């Protein structure tokens, strides 16, 4: 549906569908509370599996059914419009490209430290979580710094027929 007449969508459908989508995205986080509970181990395992694997998909399916085609198209149109606005620029300067590569390479350092010198970041250390999360965030940032041309190079890795073309 185009956005010229969004009043056809009943507000209850729109809001309840958005709430169900949000719930489907947040369901895996419930596993933290399930694991910390005093439930039997077999029940914890079953519930964690449900909220991690099957539950979010089922909840998203129900959300789409509640929304209906018009409301779903409206939400998807706005979401895709937002993604297009934050998409990385196609080509970037040589400095920005090298900076993005440096950021990407730095993100591999914590993995090597954990693998080859685990005493520097032991499992029990809260710093390990923060260092690894920071590396993951930095990796995503590096993809945006590298720009759209790099995304095409990355996409070409998954296309068998793609070939590298080097400038002269």
N, C-alpha and C. Protein backbone atom coordinates (compact mmCIF):
# COMPACT_ATOMS: atom_id res chain seq x y z
N UNK A 1 0.83 -1.18 0.00
CA UNK A 1 0.00 0.00 0.00
C UNK A 1 0.87 1.23 0.00
N UNK A 2 0.50 2.21 -0.75
CA UNK A 2 1.25 3.45 -0.73
C UNK A 2 0.79 4.27 0.47
N UNK A 3 1.56 5.29 0.79
CA UNK A 3 1.28 6.04 2.01
C UNK A 3 0.27 7.16 1.80
N UNK A 4 -0.44 7.20 0.63
CA UNK A 4 -1.37 8.29 0.41
C UNK A 4 -2.65 8.15 1.24
N UNK A 5 -3.01 6.94 1.67
CA UNK A 5 -4.21 6.78 2.46
C UNK A 5 -3.99 5.77 3.58
N UNK A 6 -3.18 6.15 4.58
CA UNK A 6 -2.92 5.21 5.66
C UNK A 6 -4.06 5.10 6.66
N UNK A 7 -5.15 5.91 6.50
CA UNK A 7 -6.25 5.90 7.47
C UNK A 7 -7.11 4.65 7.35
N UNK A 8 -6.94 3.85 6.30
CA UNK A 8 -7.70 2.62 6.17
C UNK A 8 -7.29 1.57 7.20
N UNK A 9 -6.11 1.72 7.74
CA UNK A 9 -5.57 0.74 8.68
C UNK A 9 -6.13 1.05 10.07
N UNK A 10 -6.83 0.09 10.69
CA UNK A 10 -7.31 0.33 12.06
C UNK A 10 -6.14 0.49 13.02
N UNK A 11 -6.19 1.49 13.87
CA UNK A 11 -5.06 1.73 14.78
C UNK A 11 -4.73 0.54 15.68
N UNK A 12 -5.74 -0.20 16.10
CA UNK A 12 -5.47 -1.34 16.98
C UNK A 12 -4.63 -2.39 16.27
N UNK A 13 -4.85 -2.56 14.95
CA UNK A 13 -4.06 -3.54 14.19
C UNK A 13 -2.62 -3.08 14.07
N UNK A 14 -2.47 -1.79 13.78
CA UNK A 14 -1.13 -1.25 13.60
C UNK A 14 -0.33 -1.34 14.89
N UNK A 15 -0.89 -0.87 15.99
CA UNK A 15 -0.15 -0.85 17.25
C UNK A 15 0.08 -2.24 17.82
N UNK A 16 -0.91 -3.11 17.73
CA UNK A 16 -0.70 -4.46 18.26
C UNK A 16 0.29 -5.23 17.37
N UNK A 17 0.27 -5.00 16.06
CA UNK A 17 1.24 -5.64 15.18
C UNK A 17 2.66 -5.17 15.46
N UNK A 18 2.83 -3.87 15.68
CA UNK A 18 4.16 -3.33 16.02
C UNK A 18 4.62 -3.90 17.36
N UNK A 19 3.71 -4.00 18.32
CA UNK A 19 4.08 -4.58 19.63
C UNK A 19 4.50 -6.04 19.48
N UNK A 20 3.80 -6.80 18.64
CA UNK A 20 4.16 -8.20 18.44
C UNK A 20 5.51 -8.34 17.73
N UNK A 21 5.79 -7.45 16.79
CA UNK A 21 7.10 -7.46 16.13
C UNK A 21 8.20 -7.15 17.14
N UNK A 22 7.97 -6.13 17.97
CA UNK A 22 8.95 -5.79 19.00
C UNK A 22 9.16 -6.96 19.95
N UNK A 23 8.07 -7.62 20.34
CA UNK A 23 8.19 -8.77 21.23
C UNK A 23 8.97 -9.90 20.56
N UNK A 24 8.76 -10.11 19.27
CA UNK A 24 9.50 -11.17 18.59
C UNK A 24 10.99 -10.86 18.53
N UNK A 25 11.34 -9.58 18.44
CA UNK A 25 12.76 -9.20 18.43
C UNK A 25 13.39 -9.31 19.81
N UNK A 26 12.59 -9.11 20.86
CA UNK A 26 13.11 -9.14 22.22
C UNK A 26 13.04 -10.51 22.88
N UNK A 27 12.32 -11.45 22.29
CA UNK A 27 12.14 -12.77 22.91
C UNK A 27 13.45 -13.47 23.28
N UNK A 28 14.48 -13.45 22.43
CA UNK A 28 15.72 -14.13 22.82
C UNK A 28 16.35 -13.58 24.11
N UNK A 29 16.07 -12.33 24.44
CA UNK A 29 16.62 -11.76 25.66
C UNK A 29 16.00 -12.38 26.91
N UNK A 30 14.82 -12.97 26.78
CA UNK A 30 14.17 -13.60 27.93
C UNK A 30 14.94 -14.82 28.42
N UNK A 31 15.80 -15.36 27.57
CA UNK A 31 16.56 -16.55 27.97
C UNK A 31 17.47 -16.25 29.16
N UNK A 32 17.89 -15.00 29.33
CA UNK A 32 18.74 -14.63 30.46
C UNK A 32 17.99 -14.88 31.77
N UNK A 33 16.73 -14.45 31.82
CA UNK A 33 15.93 -14.63 33.04
C UNK A 33 15.55 -16.10 33.24
N UNK A 34 15.33 -16.79 32.15
CA UNK A 34 14.99 -18.21 32.27
C UNK A 34 16.15 -18.99 32.86
N UNK A 35 17.35 -18.72 32.37
CA UNK A 35 18.53 -19.42 32.87
C UNK A 35 18.78 -19.10 34.34
N UNK A 36 18.52 -17.86 34.75
CA UNK A 36 18.74 -17.46 36.14
C UNK A 36 17.64 -17.95 37.08
N UNK A 37 16.56 -18.48 36.54
CA UNK A 37 15.45 -18.93 37.39
C UNK A 37 15.78 -20.25 38.07
N UNK A 38 14.89 -20.65 38.97
CA UNK A 38 15.09 -21.90 39.70
C UNK A 38 14.31 -23.06 39.08
N UNK A 39 13.98 -22.96 37.84
CA UNK A 39 13.25 -24.03 37.15
C UNK A 39 14.14 -25.24 36.96
N UNK A 40 13.56 -26.42 36.76
CA UNK A 40 14.39 -27.60 36.47
C UNK A 40 15.16 -27.42 35.15
N UNK A 41 16.28 -28.09 35.06
CA UNK A 41 17.16 -27.93 33.90
C UNK A 41 16.46 -28.29 32.59
N UNK A 42 15.65 -29.34 32.56
CA UNK A 42 14.98 -29.74 31.33
C UNK A 42 13.99 -28.68 30.87
N UNK A 43 13.32 -28.03 31.84
CA UNK A 43 12.36 -26.97 31.49
C UNK A 43 13.09 -25.72 31.03
N UNK A 44 14.21 -25.39 31.69
CA UNK A 44 15.01 -24.24 31.25
C UNK A 44 15.47 -24.43 29.81
N UNK A 45 15.98 -25.61 29.51
CA UNK A 45 16.48 -25.88 28.15
C UNK A 45 15.36 -25.77 27.13
N UNK A 46 14.20 -26.28 27.46
CA UNK A 46 13.07 -26.21 26.53
C UNK A 46 12.62 -24.77 26.32
N UNK A 47 12.52 -24.01 27.40
CA UNK A 47 12.06 -22.63 27.29
C UNK A 47 13.08 -21.75 26.56
N UNK A 48 14.36 -21.96 26.85
CA UNK A 48 15.39 -21.18 26.15
C UNK A 48 15.36 -21.50 24.66
N UNK A 49 15.19 -22.76 24.32
CA UNK A 49 15.07 -23.13 22.90
C UNK A 49 13.86 -22.49 22.26
N UNK A 50 12.75 -22.43 22.99
CA UNK A 50 11.53 -21.84 22.45
C UNK A 50 11.68 -20.34 22.22
N UNK A 51 12.23 -19.62 23.20
CA UNK A 51 12.34 -18.17 23.04
C UNK A 51 13.50 -17.76 22.14
N UNK A 52 14.40 -18.70 21.83
CA UNK A 52 15.54 -18.37 20.97
C UNK A 52 15.33 -18.78 19.53
N UNK A 53 14.70 -19.92 19.29
CA UNK A 53 14.63 -20.43 17.93
C UNK A 53 13.23 -20.36 17.35
N UNK A 54 12.26 -20.98 17.94
CA UNK A 54 10.94 -21.05 17.33
C UNK A 54 10.02 -19.89 17.66
N UNK A 55 10.12 -19.41 18.88
CA UNK A 55 9.20 -18.37 19.35
C UNK A 55 9.23 -17.07 18.56
N UNK A 56 10.40 -16.50 18.31
CA UNK A 56 10.43 -15.24 17.56
C UNK A 56 9.83 -15.36 16.15
N UNK A 57 10.07 -16.47 15.49
CA UNK A 57 9.53 -16.66 14.15
C UNK A 57 8.01 -16.77 14.18
N UNK A 58 7.52 -17.54 15.14
CA UNK A 58 6.06 -17.69 15.27
C UNK A 58 5.42 -16.36 15.62
N UNK A 59 6.05 -15.60 16.53
CA UNK A 59 5.51 -14.30 16.93
C UNK A 59 5.52 -13.33 15.75
N UNK A 60 6.55 -13.35 14.94
CA UNK A 60 6.60 -12.47 13.76
C UNK A 60 5.52 -12.86 12.76
N UNK A 61 5.29 -14.14 12.60
CA UNK A 61 4.23 -14.61 11.70
C UNK A 61 2.87 -14.13 12.19
N UNK A 62 2.63 -14.23 13.49
CA UNK A 62 1.37 -13.74 14.06
C UNK A 62 1.26 -12.23 13.88
N UNK A 63 2.38 -11.51 14.04
CA UNK A 63 2.37 -10.06 13.87
C UNK A 63 1.96 -9.68 12.45
N UNK A 64 2.49 -10.38 11.48
CA UNK A 64 2.14 -10.09 10.08
C UNK A 64 0.66 -10.38 9.84
N UNK A 65 0.16 -11.46 10.44
CA UNK A 65 -1.26 -11.79 10.28
C UNK A 65 -2.14 -10.73 10.93
N UNK A 66 -1.75 -10.21 12.08
CA UNK A 66 -2.54 -9.17 12.76
C UNK A 66 -2.47 -7.87 11.98
N UNK A 67 -1.29 -7.53 11.47
CA UNK A 67 -1.12 -6.28 10.74
C UNK A 67 -1.95 -6.24 9.47
N UNK A 68 -1.94 -7.31 8.73
CA UNK A 68 -2.58 -7.29 7.42
C UNK A 68 -1.62 -6.73 6.39
N UNK A 69 -1.97 -6.88 5.13
CA UNK A 69 -1.08 -6.48 4.03
C UNK A 69 -0.81 -4.98 4.02
N UNK A 70 -1.84 -4.18 4.21
CA UNK A 70 -1.65 -2.72 4.12
C UNK A 70 -0.72 -2.20 5.20
N UNK A 71 -0.97 -2.61 6.44
CA UNK A 71 -0.13 -2.13 7.54
C UNK A 71 1.28 -2.68 7.44
N UNK A 72 1.42 -3.94 7.03
CA UNK A 72 2.75 -4.52 6.88
C UNK A 72 3.53 -3.77 5.80
N UNK A 73 2.88 -3.47 4.67
CA UNK A 73 3.55 -2.71 3.61
C UNK A 73 3.95 -1.32 4.08
N UNK A 74 3.10 -0.70 4.90
CA UNK A 74 3.41 0.63 5.43
C UNK A 74 4.64 0.57 6.33
N UNK A 75 4.68 -0.39 7.24
CA UNK A 75 5.82 -0.52 8.16
C UNK A 75 7.09 -0.86 7.39
N UNK A 76 7.00 -1.81 6.45
CA UNK A 76 8.18 -2.19 5.68
C UNK A 76 8.69 -1.03 4.83
N UNK A 77 7.78 -0.26 4.26
CA UNK A 77 8.18 0.90 3.47
C UNK A 77 8.95 1.91 4.29
N UNK A 78 8.47 2.17 5.50
CA UNK A 78 9.17 3.12 6.37
C UNK A 78 10.50 2.56 6.85
N UNK A 79 10.54 1.27 7.17
CA UNK A 79 11.80 0.66 7.63
C UNK A 79 12.84 0.66 6.51
N UNK A 80 12.43 0.31 5.30
CA UNK A 80 13.37 0.30 4.18
C UNK A 80 13.82 1.71 3.83
N UNK A 81 12.92 2.70 3.98
CA UNK A 81 13.31 4.08 3.76
C UNK A 81 14.37 4.53 4.75
N UNK A 82 14.22 4.10 6.00
CA UNK A 82 15.22 4.43 7.01
C UNK A 82 16.55 3.77 6.68
N UNK A 83 16.53 2.50 6.27
CA UNK A 83 17.77 1.82 5.91
C UNK A 83 18.46 2.47 4.72
N UNK A 84 17.68 2.96 3.76
CA UNK A 84 18.29 3.62 2.60
C UNK A 84 18.98 4.91 3.01
N UNK A 85 18.42 5.60 4.02
CA UNK A 85 19.04 6.85 4.47
C UNK A 85 20.36 6.61 5.19
N UNK A 86 20.49 5.48 5.90
CA UNK A 86 21.73 5.24 6.64
C UNK A 86 22.70 4.35 5.88
N UNK A 87 22.35 3.98 4.65
CA UNK A 87 23.24 3.14 3.84
C UNK A 87 24.55 3.87 3.58
N UNK A 88 25.66 3.15 3.52
CA UNK A 88 26.95 3.80 3.30
C UNK A 88 27.06 4.35 1.88
N UNK A 89 27.86 5.41 1.75
CA UNK A 89 28.08 5.99 0.44
C UNK A 89 28.84 5.01 -0.44
N UNK A 90 28.67 5.15 -1.75
CA UNK A 90 29.25 4.17 -2.68
C UNK A 90 30.78 4.20 -2.64
N UNK A 91 31.37 5.30 -2.99
CA UNK A 91 32.83 5.35 -3.02
C UNK A 91 33.32 6.29 -1.93
N UNK A 92 34.47 5.96 -1.38
CA UNK A 92 35.04 6.75 -0.30
C UNK A 92 36.47 7.13 -0.66
N UNK A 93 37.03 8.07 0.09
CA UNK A 93 38.39 8.50 -0.18
C UNK A 93 39.39 7.40 0.22
N UNK A 94 40.60 7.53 -0.27
CA UNK A 94 41.64 6.55 0.04
C UNK A 94 41.91 6.51 1.55
N UNK A 95 41.92 7.70 2.20
CA UNK A 95 42.13 7.76 3.65
C UNK A 95 41.03 7.03 4.39
N UNK A 96 39.77 7.28 4.01
CA UNK A 96 38.64 6.63 4.69
C UNK A 96 38.68 5.11 4.47
N UNK A 97 39.06 4.69 3.29
CA UNK A 97 39.15 3.26 3.01
C UNK A 97 40.22 2.60 3.88
N UNK A 98 41.38 3.23 3.97
CA UNK A 98 42.46 2.67 4.79
C UNK A 98 42.09 2.69 6.28
N UNK A 99 41.40 3.76 6.70
CA UNK A 99 40.94 3.82 8.09
C UNK A 99 39.95 2.69 8.38
N UNK A 100 39.03 2.45 7.46
CA UNK A 100 38.07 1.36 7.63
C UNK A 100 38.75 0.00 7.70
N UNK A 101 39.76 -0.21 6.85
CA UNK A 101 40.51 -1.47 6.91
C UNK A 101 41.26 -1.62 8.23
N UNK A 102 41.84 -0.53 8.71
CA UNK A 102 42.54 -0.57 9.99
C UNK A 102 41.56 -0.91 11.12
N UNK A 103 40.41 -0.28 11.13
CA UNK A 103 39.40 -0.58 12.15
C UNK A 103 38.97 -2.04 12.08
N UNK A 104 38.81 -2.55 10.87
CA UNK A 104 38.39 -3.94 10.71
C UNK A 104 39.46 -4.90 11.22
N UNK A 105 40.71 -4.61 10.91
CA UNK A 105 41.80 -5.49 11.34
C UNK A 105 41.96 -5.46 12.86
N UNK A 106 41.78 -4.29 13.47
CA UNK A 106 41.88 -4.17 14.93
C UNK A 106 40.86 -5.06 15.62
N UNK A 107 39.70 -5.26 15.00
CA UNK A 107 38.65 -6.05 15.65
C UNK A 107 39.03 -7.52 15.81
N UNK A 108 40.03 -7.99 15.08
CA UNK A 108 40.46 -9.39 15.22
C UNK A 108 41.42 -9.60 16.39
N UNK A 109 41.98 -8.55 16.92
CA UNK A 109 42.96 -8.66 18.00
C UNK A 109 42.39 -9.36 19.24
N UNK A 110 41.20 -8.98 19.74
CA UNK A 110 40.69 -9.68 20.93
C UNK A 110 40.52 -11.19 20.72
N UNK A 111 40.17 -11.60 19.52
CA UNK A 111 40.02 -13.03 19.26
C UNK A 111 41.35 -13.76 19.40
N UNK A 112 42.41 -13.17 18.92
CA UNK A 112 43.72 -13.79 19.03
C UNK A 112 44.21 -13.78 20.48
N UNK A 113 43.91 -12.70 21.20
CA UNK A 113 44.31 -12.65 22.61
C UNK A 113 43.60 -13.74 23.40
N UNK A 114 42.31 -13.89 23.18
CA UNK A 114 41.53 -14.90 23.89
C UNK A 114 42.01 -16.30 23.49
N UNK A 115 42.36 -16.49 22.25
CA UNK A 115 42.77 -17.82 21.78
C UNK A 115 44.18 -18.19 22.20
N UNK A 116 45.12 -17.24 22.09
CA UNK A 116 46.53 -17.58 22.30
C UNK A 116 47.10 -17.13 23.64
N UNK A 117 46.46 -16.16 24.28
CA UNK A 117 46.90 -15.71 25.60
C UNK A 117 45.68 -15.54 26.51
N UNK A 118 45.01 -16.62 26.82
CA UNK A 118 43.77 -16.49 27.59
C UNK A 118 43.96 -15.90 28.98
N UNK A 119 45.18 -15.92 29.49
CA UNK A 119 45.40 -15.33 30.81
C UNK A 119 45.24 -13.81 30.79
N UNK A 120 45.39 -13.18 29.63
CA UNK A 120 45.21 -11.73 29.52
C UNK A 120 43.75 -11.33 29.65
N UNK A 121 42.85 -12.17 29.12
CA UNK A 121 41.41 -11.93 29.23
C UNK A 121 40.73 -13.23 29.68
N UNK A 122 40.82 -13.57 30.97
CA UNK A 122 40.25 -14.84 31.42
C UNK A 122 38.72 -14.84 31.32
N UNK A 123 38.16 -16.04 31.32
CA UNK A 123 36.70 -16.18 31.22
C UNK A 123 35.97 -15.45 32.34
N UNK A 124 36.55 -15.42 33.51
CA UNK A 124 35.89 -14.82 34.66
C UNK A 124 35.99 -13.30 34.67
N UNK A 125 36.77 -12.73 33.80
CA UNK A 125 36.97 -11.28 33.79
C UNK A 125 35.80 -10.57 33.09
N UNK A 126 35.22 -9.56 33.76
CA UNK A 126 34.16 -8.79 33.08
C UNK A 126 34.72 -7.98 31.91
N UNK A 127 36.01 -7.70 31.94
CA UNK A 127 36.63 -6.95 30.84
C UNK A 127 36.55 -7.73 29.54
N UNK A 128 36.57 -9.05 29.61
CA UNK A 128 36.52 -9.88 28.39
C UNK A 128 35.25 -9.60 27.60
N UNK A 129 34.13 -9.55 28.30
CA UNK A 129 32.85 -9.27 27.64
C UNK A 129 32.88 -7.90 26.98
N UNK A 130 33.35 -6.89 27.72
CA UNK A 130 33.36 -5.53 27.18
C UNK A 130 34.33 -5.40 26.00
N UNK A 131 35.46 -6.04 26.07
CA UNK A 131 36.43 -5.98 24.97
C UNK A 131 35.85 -6.65 23.73
N UNK A 132 35.24 -7.82 23.90
CA UNK A 132 34.69 -8.54 22.75
C UNK A 132 33.48 -7.81 22.15
N UNK A 133 32.63 -7.26 23.00
CA UNK A 133 31.50 -6.47 22.48
C UNK A 133 31.98 -5.22 21.75
N UNK A 134 32.99 -4.57 22.29
CA UNK A 134 33.55 -3.38 21.63
C UNK A 134 34.13 -3.75 20.27
N UNK A 135 34.78 -4.89 20.18
CA UNK A 135 35.33 -5.32 18.90
C UNK A 135 34.23 -5.59 17.90
N UNK A 136 33.13 -6.19 18.35
CA UNK A 136 32.01 -6.44 17.43
C UNK A 136 31.40 -5.13 16.92
N UNK A 137 31.21 -4.18 17.82
CA UNK A 137 30.65 -2.88 17.41
C UNK A 137 31.62 -2.18 16.46
N UNK A 138 32.90 -2.24 16.76
CA UNK A 138 33.90 -1.61 15.88
C UNK A 138 33.91 -2.26 14.51
N UNK A 139 33.69 -3.57 14.44
CA UNK A 139 33.63 -4.25 13.15
C UNK A 139 32.47 -3.72 12.31
N UNK A 140 31.31 -3.55 12.91
CA UNK A 140 30.15 -3.03 12.18
C UNK A 140 30.42 -1.59 11.73
N UNK A 141 31.02 -0.79 12.61
CA UNK A 141 31.37 0.58 12.24
C UNK A 141 32.34 0.59 11.06
N UNK A 142 33.31 -0.32 11.07
CA UNK A 142 34.29 -0.36 9.98
C UNK A 142 33.61 -0.65 8.64
N UNK A 143 32.57 -1.47 8.64
CA UNK A 143 31.86 -1.74 7.38
C UNK A 143 31.22 -0.48 6.82
N UNK A 144 30.72 0.39 7.69
CA UNK A 144 30.13 1.64 7.23
C UNK A 144 31.21 2.64 6.81
N UNK A 145 32.34 2.63 7.49
CA UNK A 145 33.43 3.53 7.11
C UNK A 145 33.99 3.13 5.75
N UNK A 146 34.06 1.82 5.48
CA UNK A 146 34.61 1.34 4.21
C UNK A 146 33.74 1.71 3.00
N UNK A 147 32.47 1.89 3.19
CA UNK A 147 31.61 2.37 2.11
C UNK A 147 30.98 1.27 1.29
N UNK A 148 30.10 1.69 0.40
CA UNK A 148 29.30 0.78 -0.41
C UNK A 148 30.10 -0.07 -1.38
N UNK A 149 31.20 0.47 -1.92
CA UNK A 149 32.02 -0.33 -2.83
C UNK A 149 32.60 -1.55 -2.12
N UNK A 150 32.97 -1.39 -0.86
CA UNK A 150 33.48 -2.54 -0.11
C UNK A 150 32.37 -3.57 0.12
N UNK A 151 31.14 -3.08 0.34
CA UNK A 151 30.01 -4.00 0.52
C UNK A 151 29.83 -4.84 -0.74
N UNK A 152 30.06 -4.23 -1.91
CA UNK A 152 29.97 -4.99 -3.16
C UNK A 152 31.08 -6.05 -3.22
N UNK A 153 32.28 -5.69 -2.76
CA UNK A 153 33.37 -6.67 -2.73
C UNK A 153 33.04 -7.81 -1.77
N UNK A 154 32.47 -7.46 -0.65
CA UNK A 154 32.08 -8.47 0.34
C UNK A 154 30.98 -9.38 -0.22
N UNK A 155 30.05 -8.80 -0.91
CA UNK A 155 28.96 -9.57 -1.53
C UNK A 155 29.51 -10.50 -2.60
N UNK A 156 30.53 -10.06 -3.33
CA UNK A 156 31.12 -10.87 -4.39
C UNK A 156 31.76 -12.15 -3.84
N UNK A 157 32.13 -12.15 -2.57
CA UNK A 157 32.69 -13.36 -1.97
C UNK A 157 31.70 -14.52 -2.00
N UNK A 158 30.42 -14.21 -2.00
CA UNK A 158 29.38 -15.23 -1.92
C UNK A 158 28.76 -15.56 -3.27
N UNK A 159 29.32 -14.98 -4.32
CA UNK A 159 28.84 -15.25 -5.67
C UNK A 159 29.94 -16.00 -6.41
N UNK A 160 29.66 -17.23 -6.78
CA UNK A 160 30.68 -18.09 -7.37
C UNK A 160 31.24 -17.49 -8.67
N UNK A 161 30.39 -16.92 -9.49
CA UNK A 161 30.81 -16.41 -10.79
C UNK A 161 31.54 -15.07 -10.70
N UNK A 162 31.56 -14.41 -9.55
CA UNK A 162 32.18 -13.09 -9.43
C UNK A 162 33.69 -13.22 -9.61
N UNK A 163 34.28 -12.24 -10.26
CA UNK A 163 35.71 -12.19 -10.49
C UNK A 163 36.25 -10.85 -10.06
N UNK A 164 37.47 -10.84 -9.55
CA UNK A 164 38.12 -9.60 -9.15
C UNK A 164 38.69 -8.91 -10.38
N UNK A 165 38.50 -7.61 -10.46
CA UNK A 165 39.06 -6.82 -11.55
C UNK A 165 39.99 -5.80 -10.91
N UNK A 166 41.28 -5.93 -11.19
CA UNK A 166 42.27 -5.05 -10.59
C UNK A 166 42.56 -3.88 -11.53
N UNK A 167 42.67 -2.66 -10.97
CA UNK A 167 43.01 -1.51 -11.84
C UNK A 167 44.44 -1.62 -12.33
N UNK A 168 44.71 -1.03 -13.48
CA UNK A 168 46.06 -1.07 -14.04
C UNK A 168 47.03 -0.20 -13.26
